[in-house]
């Protein structure tokens, strides 16, 4: 059974690495479809948090990367504490992502869904030229944490046939 636990952690770590690499972002636009005044500032703060998370992940600063996740997301990955999250994400990388290209879509307000609070949703796209995994589109939900910090609370895969626009991001974050 111990081997299954290690395999599961490697699988989770690979998924978290894809999420981590995909978080570096260029700017994003606000659709104005959400909470009134200050929504551009909220979107900018959420994107900056995503960038900080990405830099920590690329630098393999797993403690900072794990602290940038909500407790709920860490637990869904099998980590009850930041230290356990560091242990899971601290596994060796499964490939070279030095040529990864990242882009983002619009930042949009997303409603609360299931256990996830309302927040900011956005699409990140990660493409590599090395053939490690091609192109991956992911919807992210960022939520305000303690002291105004934005944290990654939810990730969901986007399927090309469903689209990658703001509405596809909302739909993906409401189906998972």
N, C-alpha and C. Protein backbone atom coordinates (compact mmCIF):
# COMPACT_ATOMS: atom_id res chain seq x y z
N UNK A 1 0.82 -1.20 0.00
CA UNK A 1 0.00 0.00 0.00
C UNK A 1 0.86 1.26 0.00
N UNK A 2 2.05 1.19 0.59
CA UNK A 2 2.91 2.36 0.63
C UNK A 2 3.26 2.82 -0.78
N UNK A 3 3.48 1.90 -1.69
CA UNK A 3 3.78 2.24 -3.07
C UNK A 3 2.65 3.01 -3.74
N UNK A 4 1.40 2.64 -3.44
CA UNK A 4 0.26 3.35 -4.01
C UNK A 4 0.23 4.78 -3.51
N UNK A 5 0.59 5.00 -2.25
CA UNK A 5 0.62 6.36 -1.70
C UNK A 5 1.65 7.21 -2.40
N UNK A 6 2.82 6.65 -2.66
CA UNK A 6 3.87 7.38 -3.37
C UNK A 6 3.42 7.68 -4.79
N UNK A 7 2.83 6.70 -5.47
CA UNK A 7 2.36 6.91 -6.84
C UNK A 7 1.28 7.99 -6.88
N UNK A 8 0.38 7.96 -5.91
CA UNK A 8 -0.66 8.99 -5.86
C UNK A 8 -0.06 10.36 -5.64
N UNK A 9 0.94 10.44 -4.77
CA UNK A 9 1.59 11.73 -4.52
C UNK A 9 2.33 12.22 -5.76
N UNK A 10 2.98 11.31 -6.48
CA UNK A 10 3.67 11.71 -7.71
C UNK A 10 2.64 12.24 -8.71
N UNK A 11 1.51 11.57 -8.82
CA UNK A 11 0.46 12.03 -9.73
C UNK A 11 -0.08 13.39 -9.34
N UNK A 12 -0.32 13.58 -8.04
CA UNK A 12 -0.79 14.89 -7.57
C UNK A 12 0.27 15.95 -7.80
N UNK A 13 1.53 15.59 -7.56
CA UNK A 13 2.62 16.56 -7.76
C UNK A 13 2.71 16.96 -9.22
N UNK A 14 2.53 16.01 -10.13
CA UNK A 14 2.57 16.35 -11.56
C UNK A 14 1.45 17.32 -11.90
N UNK A 15 0.26 17.07 -11.38
CA UNK A 15 -0.86 17.99 -11.62
C UNK A 15 -0.61 19.36 -11.02
N UNK A 16 -0.02 19.38 -9.83
CA UNK A 16 0.26 20.65 -9.19
C UNK A 16 1.35 21.40 -9.95
N UNK A 17 2.30 20.68 -10.54
CA UNK A 17 3.35 21.33 -11.31
C UNK A 17 2.75 21.98 -12.55
N UNK A 18 1.84 21.29 -13.22
CA UNK A 18 1.17 21.88 -14.37
C UNK A 18 0.45 23.14 -13.93
N UNK A 19 -0.26 23.06 -12.81
CA UNK A 19 -0.95 24.24 -12.30
C UNK A 19 0.04 25.34 -11.97
N UNK A 20 1.14 24.98 -11.34
CA UNK A 20 2.12 25.99 -10.93
C UNK A 20 2.75 26.67 -12.13
N UNK A 21 3.16 25.89 -13.11
CA UNK A 21 3.80 26.47 -14.28
C UNK A 21 2.80 27.34 -15.03
N UNK A 22 1.54 26.95 -15.01
CA UNK A 22 0.54 27.69 -15.77
C UNK A 22 0.12 28.99 -15.12
N UNK A 23 0.57 29.26 -13.93
CA UNK A 23 0.12 30.47 -13.25
C UNK A 23 0.88 31.74 -13.60
N UNK A 24 2.05 31.63 -14.22
CA UNK A 24 2.70 32.89 -14.56
C UNK A 24 1.84 33.54 -15.63
N UNK A 25 1.68 34.83 -15.55
CA UNK A 25 0.70 35.41 -16.45
C UNK A 25 1.10 36.79 -16.93
N UNK A 26 0.62 37.08 -18.10
CA UNK A 26 0.68 38.45 -18.60
C UNK A 26 -0.49 39.17 -17.96
N UNK A 27 -0.86 40.30 -18.44
CA UNK A 27 -1.97 41.03 -17.84
C UNK A 27 -3.28 40.34 -18.11
N UNK A 28 -4.33 40.90 -17.53
CA UNK A 28 -5.66 40.39 -17.83
C UNK A 28 -6.61 41.55 -17.84
N UNK A 29 -7.72 41.36 -18.50
CA UNK A 29 -8.72 42.41 -18.58
C UNK A 29 -9.86 42.08 -17.65
N UNK A 30 -10.51 43.11 -17.17
CA UNK A 30 -11.69 42.94 -16.33
C UNK A 30 -12.92 43.10 -17.20
N UNK A 31 -13.87 42.22 -17.06
CA UNK A 31 -15.07 42.30 -17.88
C UNK A 31 -16.08 43.26 -17.31
N UNK A 32 -15.90 43.68 -16.08
CA UNK A 32 -16.87 44.56 -15.47
C UNK A 32 -18.14 43.84 -15.10
N UNK A 33 -18.17 42.53 -15.17
CA UNK A 33 -19.40 41.78 -14.91
C UNK A 33 -19.58 41.46 -13.45
N UNK A 34 -18.68 41.92 -12.63
CA UNK A 34 -18.79 41.57 -11.23
C UNK A 34 -19.03 42.74 -10.35
N UNK A 35 -18.56 42.65 -9.15
CA UNK A 35 -18.89 43.44 -8.00
C UNK A 35 -18.69 44.92 -8.01
N UNK A 36 -18.90 45.64 -9.09
CA UNK A 36 -18.90 47.09 -9.02
C UNK A 36 -17.52 47.67 -8.87
N UNK A 37 -17.43 48.81 -8.16
CA UNK A 37 -16.19 49.54 -8.03
C UNK A 37 -15.07 48.69 -7.46
N UNK A 38 -13.88 48.94 -7.97
CA UNK A 38 -12.72 48.23 -7.47
C UNK A 38 -12.49 46.88 -8.11
N UNK A 39 -13.31 46.49 -9.08
CA UNK A 39 -13.14 45.15 -9.65
C UNK A 39 -11.83 45.04 -10.43
N UNK A 40 -11.37 46.13 -11.06
CA UNK A 40 -10.08 46.08 -11.76
C UNK A 40 -8.95 45.90 -10.76
N UNK A 41 -9.06 46.56 -9.62
CA UNK A 41 -8.04 46.41 -8.60
C UNK A 41 -8.04 45.00 -8.03
N UNK A 42 -9.23 44.44 -7.83
CA UNK A 42 -9.35 43.06 -7.34
C UNK A 42 -8.70 42.10 -8.33
N UNK A 43 -8.99 42.29 -9.61
CA UNK A 43 -8.42 41.42 -10.64
C UNK A 43 -6.90 41.55 -10.67
N UNK A 44 -6.41 42.78 -10.59
CA UNK A 44 -4.96 43.00 -10.61
C UNK A 44 -4.29 42.34 -9.41
N UNK A 45 -4.92 42.45 -8.24
CA UNK A 45 -4.35 41.83 -7.03
C UNK A 45 -4.36 40.31 -7.15
N UNK A 46 -5.43 39.75 -7.71
CA UNK A 46 -5.49 38.29 -7.88
C UNK A 46 -4.42 37.82 -8.86
N UNK A 47 -4.23 38.56 -9.94
CA UNK A 47 -3.20 38.19 -10.92
C UNK A 47 -1.82 38.30 -10.30
N UNK A 48 -1.58 39.32 -9.50
CA UNK A 48 -0.28 39.47 -8.85
C UNK A 48 -0.02 38.29 -7.90
N UNK A 49 -1.06 37.84 -7.20
CA UNK A 49 -0.91 36.67 -6.32
C UNK A 49 -0.58 35.43 -7.14
N UNK A 50 -1.22 35.29 -8.29
CA UNK A 50 -0.92 34.16 -9.17
C UNK A 50 0.53 34.22 -9.64
N UNK A 51 1.00 35.41 -9.97
CA UNK A 51 2.40 35.56 -10.39
C UNK A 51 3.36 35.17 -9.27
N UNK A 52 3.08 35.63 -8.05
CA UNK A 52 3.95 35.29 -6.92
C UNK A 52 3.97 33.78 -6.70
N UNK A 53 2.79 33.16 -6.81
CA UNK A 53 2.70 31.71 -6.68
C UNK A 53 3.54 31.03 -7.76
N UNK A 54 3.43 31.54 -8.99
CA UNK A 54 4.18 30.96 -10.10
C UNK A 54 5.68 31.10 -9.87
N UNK A 55 6.13 32.27 -9.47
CA UNK A 55 7.56 32.46 -9.25
C UNK A 55 8.07 31.51 -8.16
N UNK A 56 7.30 31.34 -7.11
CA UNK A 56 7.69 30.41 -6.05
C UNK A 56 7.79 28.99 -6.60
N UNK A 57 6.85 28.61 -7.45
CA UNK A 57 6.85 27.25 -8.01
C UNK A 57 8.02 27.05 -8.97
N UNK A 58 8.26 28.02 -9.84
CA UNK A 58 9.37 27.90 -10.78
C UNK A 58 10.69 27.83 -10.03
N UNK A 59 10.80 28.63 -8.96
CA UNK A 59 12.02 28.63 -8.14
C UNK A 59 12.08 27.44 -7.19
N UNK A 60 11.07 26.59 -7.23
CA UNK A 60 10.94 25.44 -6.34
C UNK A 60 10.95 25.86 -4.87
N UNK A 61 10.38 27.02 -4.59
CA UNK A 61 10.17 27.48 -3.21
C UNK A 61 8.81 26.94 -2.79
N UNK A 62 8.79 25.64 -2.47
CA UNK A 62 7.53 24.94 -2.24
C UNK A 62 6.78 25.47 -1.03
N UNK A 63 7.49 25.96 -0.04
CA UNK A 63 6.80 26.52 1.13
C UNK A 63 5.96 27.73 0.71
N UNK A 64 6.55 28.63 -0.05
CA UNK A 64 5.79 29.80 -0.51
C UNK A 64 4.65 29.38 -1.43
N UNK A 65 4.90 28.41 -2.31
CA UNK A 65 3.86 27.94 -3.22
C UNK A 65 2.70 27.30 -2.44
N UNK A 66 3.01 26.53 -1.43
CA UNK A 66 1.96 25.89 -0.64
C UNK A 66 1.20 26.90 0.20
N UNK A 67 1.88 27.91 0.69
CA UNK A 67 1.21 28.96 1.46
C UNK A 67 0.27 29.78 0.58
N UNK A 68 0.48 29.76 -0.74
CA UNK A 68 -0.35 30.51 -1.67
C UNK A 68 -1.64 29.77 -2.03
N UNK A 69 -1.83 28.58 -1.49
CA UNK A 69 -3.04 27.80 -1.72
C UNK A 69 -3.94 27.92 -0.50
N UNK A 70 -5.24 27.79 -0.73
CA UNK A 70 -6.15 27.74 0.41
C UNK A 70 -5.98 26.40 1.12
N UNK A 71 -6.39 26.37 2.36
CA UNK A 71 -6.35 25.12 3.12
C UNK A 71 -7.18 24.05 2.40
N UNK A 72 -8.33 24.45 1.86
CA UNK A 72 -9.21 23.51 1.15
C UNK A 72 -8.48 22.88 -0.03
N UNK A 73 -7.75 23.67 -0.83
CA UNK A 73 -7.02 23.12 -1.97
C UNK A 73 -5.89 22.22 -1.52
N UNK A 74 -5.16 22.62 -0.49
CA UNK A 74 -4.08 21.75 0.02
C UNK A 74 -4.65 20.41 0.46
N UNK A 75 -5.79 20.43 1.17
CA UNK A 75 -6.39 19.18 1.64
C UNK A 75 -6.87 18.32 0.47
N UNK A 76 -7.36 18.95 -0.59
CA UNK A 76 -7.81 18.17 -1.74
C UNK A 76 -6.64 17.48 -2.44
N UNK A 77 -5.44 17.98 -2.21
CA UNK A 77 -4.23 17.37 -2.77
C UNK A 77 -3.61 16.36 -1.82
N UNK A 78 -4.24 16.15 -0.67
CA UNK A 78 -3.75 15.18 0.29
C UNK A 78 -2.83 15.74 1.34
N UNK A 79 -2.82 17.06 1.50
CA UNK A 79 -1.93 17.70 2.47
C UNK A 79 -2.76 18.48 3.49
N UNK A 80 -2.65 18.08 4.74
CA UNK A 80 -3.38 18.79 5.79
C UNK A 80 -2.63 20.02 6.28
N UNK A 81 -1.33 20.06 6.05
CA UNK A 81 -0.51 21.17 6.52
C UNK A 81 0.37 21.69 5.39
N UNK A 82 0.93 22.86 5.60
CA UNK A 82 1.88 23.40 4.62
C UNK A 82 3.07 22.45 4.50
N UNK A 83 3.53 21.90 5.63
CA UNK A 83 4.67 20.98 5.60
C UNK A 83 4.37 19.74 4.74
N UNK A 84 3.17 19.18 4.85
CA UNK A 84 2.80 18.03 4.01
C UNK A 84 2.71 18.44 2.54
N UNK A 85 2.20 19.62 2.28
CA UNK A 85 2.14 20.13 0.91
C UNK A 85 3.54 20.25 0.33
N UNK A 86 4.47 20.75 1.13
CA UNK A 86 5.87 20.87 0.69
C UNK A 86 6.43 19.49 0.36
N UNK A 87 6.11 18.50 1.18
CA UNK A 87 6.59 17.14 0.94
C UNK A 87 6.05 16.60 -0.39
N UNK A 88 4.79 16.86 -0.68
CA UNK A 88 4.17 16.38 -1.91
C UNK A 88 4.75 17.11 -3.12
N UNK A 89 4.81 18.42 -3.05
CA UNK A 89 5.26 19.19 -4.21
C UNK A 89 6.77 19.20 -4.36
N UNK A 90 7.49 18.81 -3.33
CA UNK A 90 8.94 18.81 -3.38
C UNK A 90 9.54 17.65 -4.13
N UNK A 91 8.71 16.83 -4.76
CA UNK A 91 9.21 15.71 -5.56
C UNK A 91 9.93 16.23 -6.79
N UNK A 92 10.89 15.47 -7.31
CA UNK A 92 11.61 15.93 -8.51
C UNK A 92 10.65 16.17 -9.68
N UNK A 93 10.98 17.13 -10.50
CA UNK A 93 10.17 17.45 -11.67
C UNK A 93 10.19 16.30 -12.66
N UNK A 94 9.07 16.13 -13.35
CA UNK A 94 8.93 15.04 -14.31
C UNK A 94 9.36 15.43 -15.71
N UNK A 95 9.69 16.67 -15.93
CA UNK A 95 10.10 17.11 -17.26
C UNK A 95 10.72 18.49 -17.20
N UNK A 96 11.18 18.94 -18.34
CA UNK A 96 11.78 20.26 -18.46
C UNK A 96 10.73 21.23 -18.99
N UNK A 97 10.43 22.25 -18.21
CA UNK A 97 9.42 23.23 -18.60
C UNK A 97 10.05 24.59 -18.86
N UNK A 98 11.36 24.61 -19.16
CA UNK A 98 12.06 25.88 -19.34
C UNK A 98 11.57 26.65 -20.57
N UNK A 99 10.96 25.96 -21.53
CA UNK A 99 10.47 26.65 -22.72
C UNK A 99 8.97 26.91 -22.66
N UNK A 100 8.36 26.75 -21.50
CA UNK A 100 6.92 26.92 -21.36
C UNK A 100 6.50 28.35 -21.69
N UNK A 101 5.41 28.46 -22.44
CA UNK A 101 4.81 29.75 -22.75
C UNK A 101 3.46 29.80 -22.07
N UNK A 102 3.21 30.90 -21.38
CA UNK A 102 1.99 31.02 -20.59
C UNK A 102 1.20 32.23 -21.05
N UNK A 103 -0.11 32.07 -21.14
CA UNK A 103 -0.98 33.20 -21.42
C UNK A 103 -2.20 33.10 -20.51
N UNK A 104 -2.86 34.22 -20.34
CA UNK A 104 -4.06 34.24 -19.51
C UNK A 104 -5.21 34.85 -20.29
N UNK A 105 -6.40 34.52 -19.85
CA UNK A 105 -7.60 35.14 -20.40
C UNK A 105 -8.06 36.25 -19.48
N UNK A 106 -9.30 36.62 -19.65
CA UNK A 106 -9.89 37.67 -18.83
C UNK A 106 -10.07 37.21 -17.39
N UNK A 107 -9.91 38.13 -16.47
CA UNK A 107 -10.28 37.86 -15.08
C UNK A 107 -11.76 38.18 -14.95
N UNK A 108 -12.53 37.25 -14.41
CA UNK A 108 -13.97 37.44 -14.27
C UNK A 108 -14.39 37.11 -12.85
N UNK A 109 -15.41 37.80 -12.38
CA UNK A 109 -15.98 37.49 -11.08
C UNK A 109 -16.69 36.14 -11.20
N UNK A 110 -16.48 35.25 -10.22
CA UNK A 110 -17.18 33.97 -10.20
C UNK A 110 -17.95 33.85 -8.90
N UNK A 111 -19.14 33.31 -9.01
CA UNK A 111 -20.01 33.13 -7.85
C UNK A 111 -19.54 31.97 -6.99
N UNK A 112 -19.98 31.96 -5.75
CA UNK A 112 -19.71 30.83 -4.87
C UNK A 112 -20.33 29.58 -5.50
N UNK A 113 -19.65 28.45 -5.32
CA UNK A 113 -20.16 27.19 -5.85
C UNK A 113 -19.69 26.07 -4.94
N UNK A 114 -20.63 25.26 -4.45
CA UNK A 114 -20.27 24.17 -3.55
C UNK A 114 -19.47 24.71 -2.38
N UNK A 115 -18.32 24.11 -2.09
CA UNK A 115 -17.52 24.57 -0.96
C UNK A 115 -16.67 25.80 -1.28
N UNK A 116 -16.70 26.25 -2.54
CA UNK A 116 -15.82 27.33 -2.98
C UNK A 116 -16.50 28.69 -2.84
N UNK A 117 -15.85 29.65 -2.20
CA UNK A 117 -16.42 30.99 -2.09
C UNK A 117 -16.33 31.75 -3.42
N UNK A 118 -17.06 32.84 -3.51
CA UNK A 118 -16.97 33.71 -4.67
C UNK A 118 -15.54 34.24 -4.79
N UNK A 119 -15.14 34.56 -5.99
CA UNK A 119 -13.79 35.07 -6.18
C UNK A 119 -13.57 35.52 -7.61
N UNK A 120 -12.35 35.36 -8.07
CA UNK A 120 -11.96 35.74 -9.43
C UNK A 120 -11.58 34.47 -10.18
N UNK A 121 -12.14 34.30 -11.36
CA UNK A 121 -11.79 33.17 -12.20
C UNK A 121 -10.99 33.66 -13.39
N UNK A 122 -10.07 32.84 -13.85
CA UNK A 122 -9.33 33.18 -15.06
C UNK A 122 -8.79 31.92 -15.70
N UNK A 123 -8.55 32.03 -17.01
CA UNK A 123 -7.98 30.93 -17.76
C UNK A 123 -6.48 31.16 -17.88
N UNK A 124 -5.73 30.11 -17.63
CA UNK A 124 -4.30 30.13 -17.93
C UNK A 124 -4.04 29.02 -18.93
N UNK A 125 -3.21 29.32 -19.89
CA UNK A 125 -2.84 28.34 -20.92
C UNK A 125 -1.35 28.15 -20.86
N UNK A 126 -0.93 26.91 -20.80
CA UNK A 126 0.48 26.55 -20.77
C UNK A 126 0.78 25.75 -22.03
N UNK A 127 1.76 26.19 -22.78
CA UNK A 127 2.19 25.48 -23.99
C UNK A 127 3.69 25.26 -23.92
N UNK A 128 4.12 24.06 -24.29
CA UNK A 128 5.55 23.77 -24.33
C UNK A 128 5.92 23.31 -25.72
N UNK A 129 7.14 23.60 -26.10
CA UNK A 129 7.64 23.16 -27.39
C UNK A 129 8.34 21.82 -27.32
N UNK A 130 8.54 21.29 -26.11
CA UNK A 130 9.29 20.05 -25.96
C UNK A 130 8.42 18.81 -26.08
N UNK A 131 7.13 18.98 -26.19
CA UNK A 131 6.26 17.83 -26.31
C UNK A 131 5.96 17.15 -24.98
N UNK A 132 6.30 17.79 -23.86
CA UNK A 132 6.00 17.19 -22.56
C UNK A 132 4.51 16.93 -22.41
N UNK A 133 3.70 17.90 -22.75
CA UNK A 133 2.27 17.71 -22.65
C UNK A 133 1.51 18.59 -23.62
N UNK A 134 2.17 19.30 -24.50
CA UNK A 134 1.49 20.13 -25.48
C UNK A 134 0.91 21.39 -24.87
N UNK A 135 -0.38 21.58 -25.05
CA UNK A 135 -1.07 22.77 -24.55
C UNK A 135 -2.13 22.35 -23.56
N UNK A 136 -2.16 23.04 -22.43
CA UNK A 136 -3.13 22.76 -21.38
C UNK A 136 -3.81 24.06 -21.00
N UNK A 137 -5.15 24.04 -20.96
CA UNK A 137 -5.93 25.19 -20.52
C UNK A 137 -6.52 24.85 -19.15
N UNK A 138 -6.36 25.74 -18.20
CA UNK A 138 -6.85 25.51 -16.85
C UNK A 138 -7.63 26.73 -16.37
N UNK A 139 -8.77 26.49 -15.74
CA UNK A 139 -9.53 27.56 -15.09
C UNK A 139 -9.10 27.60 -13.63
N UNK A 140 -8.83 28.78 -13.12
CA UNK A 140 -8.44 28.95 -11.72
C UNK A 140 -9.44 29.83 -11.00
N UNK A 141 -9.73 29.48 -9.76
CA UNK A 141 -10.52 30.34 -8.87
C UNK A 141 -9.56 30.86 -7.81
N UNK A 142 -9.43 32.18 -7.74
CA UNK A 142 -8.63 32.82 -6.70
C UNK A 142 -9.60 33.51 -5.75
N UNK A 143 -9.35 33.38 -4.46
CA UNK A 143 -10.23 33.95 -3.45
C UNK A 143 -9.41 34.76 -2.45
N UNK A 144 -10.05 35.77 -1.85
CA UNK A 144 -9.32 36.54 -0.84
C UNK A 144 -9.06 35.67 0.39
N UNK A 145 -7.83 35.71 0.85
CA UNK A 145 -7.46 34.99 2.07
C UNK A 145 -7.31 35.98 3.21
N UNK A 146 -6.56 35.57 4.19
CA UNK A 146 -6.33 36.43 5.35
C UNK A 146 -5.56 37.67 4.94
N UNK A 147 -5.85 38.77 5.57
CA UNK A 147 -5.16 40.04 5.37
C UNK A 147 -5.14 40.47 3.91
N UNK A 148 -6.17 40.12 3.16
CA UNK A 148 -6.30 40.58 1.79
C UNK A 148 -5.50 39.83 0.74
N UNK A 149 -4.73 38.83 1.13
CA UNK A 149 -3.96 38.05 0.16
C UNK A 149 -4.90 37.20 -0.68
N UNK A 150 -4.60 37.05 -1.97
CA UNK A 150 -5.38 36.18 -2.85
C UNK A 150 -4.74 34.80 -2.89
N UNK A 151 -5.58 33.77 -2.81
CA UNK A 151 -5.10 32.39 -2.78
C UNK A 151 -5.79 31.56 -3.86
N UNK A 152 -5.10 30.58 -4.40
CA UNK A 152 -5.68 29.66 -5.36
C UNK A 152 -6.55 28.68 -4.58
N UNK A 153 -7.85 28.62 -4.93
CA UNK A 153 -8.80 27.77 -4.21
C UNK A 153 -9.30 26.60 -5.06
N UNK A 154 -9.28 26.75 -6.38
CA UNK A 154 -9.84 25.70 -7.24
C UNK A 154 -9.16 25.74 -8.60
N UNK A 155 -8.96 24.57 -9.16
CA UNK A 155 -8.49 24.45 -10.54
C UNK A 155 -9.42 23.49 -11.27
N UNK A 156 -9.62 23.73 -12.55
CA UNK A 156 -10.44 22.83 -13.37
C UNK A 156 -9.90 22.85 -14.79
N UNK A 157 -9.83 21.69 -15.40
CA UNK A 157 -9.37 21.61 -16.79
C UNK A 157 -10.41 22.20 -17.72
N UNK A 158 -9.94 22.89 -18.74
CA UNK A 158 -10.81 23.40 -19.80
C UNK A 158 -10.57 22.54 -21.03
N UNK A 159 -11.64 22.14 -21.68
CA UNK A 159 -11.56 21.32 -22.88
C UNK A 159 -11.75 22.24 -24.08
N UNK A 160 -10.86 22.12 -25.07
CA UNK A 160 -10.93 23.01 -26.24
C UNK A 160 -12.31 23.05 -26.87
N UNK A 161 -13.00 21.93 -26.91
CA UNK A 161 -14.31 21.89 -27.57
C UNK A 161 -15.35 22.69 -26.80
N UNK A 162 -15.11 22.95 -25.52
CA UNK A 162 -16.04 23.74 -24.72
C UNK A 162 -15.68 25.21 -24.74
N UNK A 163 -14.53 25.55 -25.28
CA UNK A 163 -14.08 26.93 -25.33
C UNK A 163 -13.16 27.26 -24.17
N UNK A 164 -12.53 28.41 -24.28
CA UNK A 164 -11.60 28.85 -23.24
C UNK A 164 -11.87 30.30 -22.84
N UNK A 165 -13.04 30.82 -23.21
CA UNK A 165 -13.37 32.20 -22.88
C UNK A 165 -13.88 32.32 -21.44
N UNK A 166 -14.29 33.52 -21.06
CA UNK A 166 -14.73 33.77 -19.68
C UNK A 166 -15.90 32.88 -19.29
N UNK A 167 -16.84 32.67 -20.20
CA UNK A 167 -18.00 31.82 -19.88
C UNK A 167 -17.58 30.37 -19.68
N UNK A 168 -16.61 29.89 -20.45
CA UNK A 168 -16.10 28.53 -20.27
C UNK A 168 -15.41 28.40 -18.92
N UNK A 169 -14.70 29.45 -18.49
CA UNK A 169 -14.05 29.44 -17.17
C UNK A 169 -15.11 29.33 -16.09
N UNK A 170 -16.14 30.16 -16.17
CA UNK A 170 -17.23 30.10 -15.17
C UNK A 170 -17.85 28.70 -15.14
N UNK A 171 -18.16 28.16 -16.32
CA UNK A 171 -18.80 26.84 -16.39
C UNK A 171 -17.91 25.77 -15.77
N UNK A 172 -16.62 25.81 -16.06
CA UNK A 172 -15.69 24.80 -15.53
C UNK A 172 -15.61 24.88 -14.01
N UNK A 173 -15.63 26.09 -13.47
CA UNK A 173 -15.52 26.26 -12.02
C UNK A 173 -16.82 25.94 -11.30
N UNK A 174 -17.89 25.72 -12.06
CA UNK A 174 -19.17 25.34 -11.47
C UNK A 174 -19.50 23.87 -11.69
N UNK A 175 -18.68 23.14 -12.39
CA UNK A 175 -18.97 21.72 -12.61
C UNK A 175 -18.12 20.81 -11.75
N UNK A 176 -17.09 21.34 -11.15
CA UNK A 176 -16.15 20.51 -10.41
C UNK A 176 -16.50 20.52 -8.95
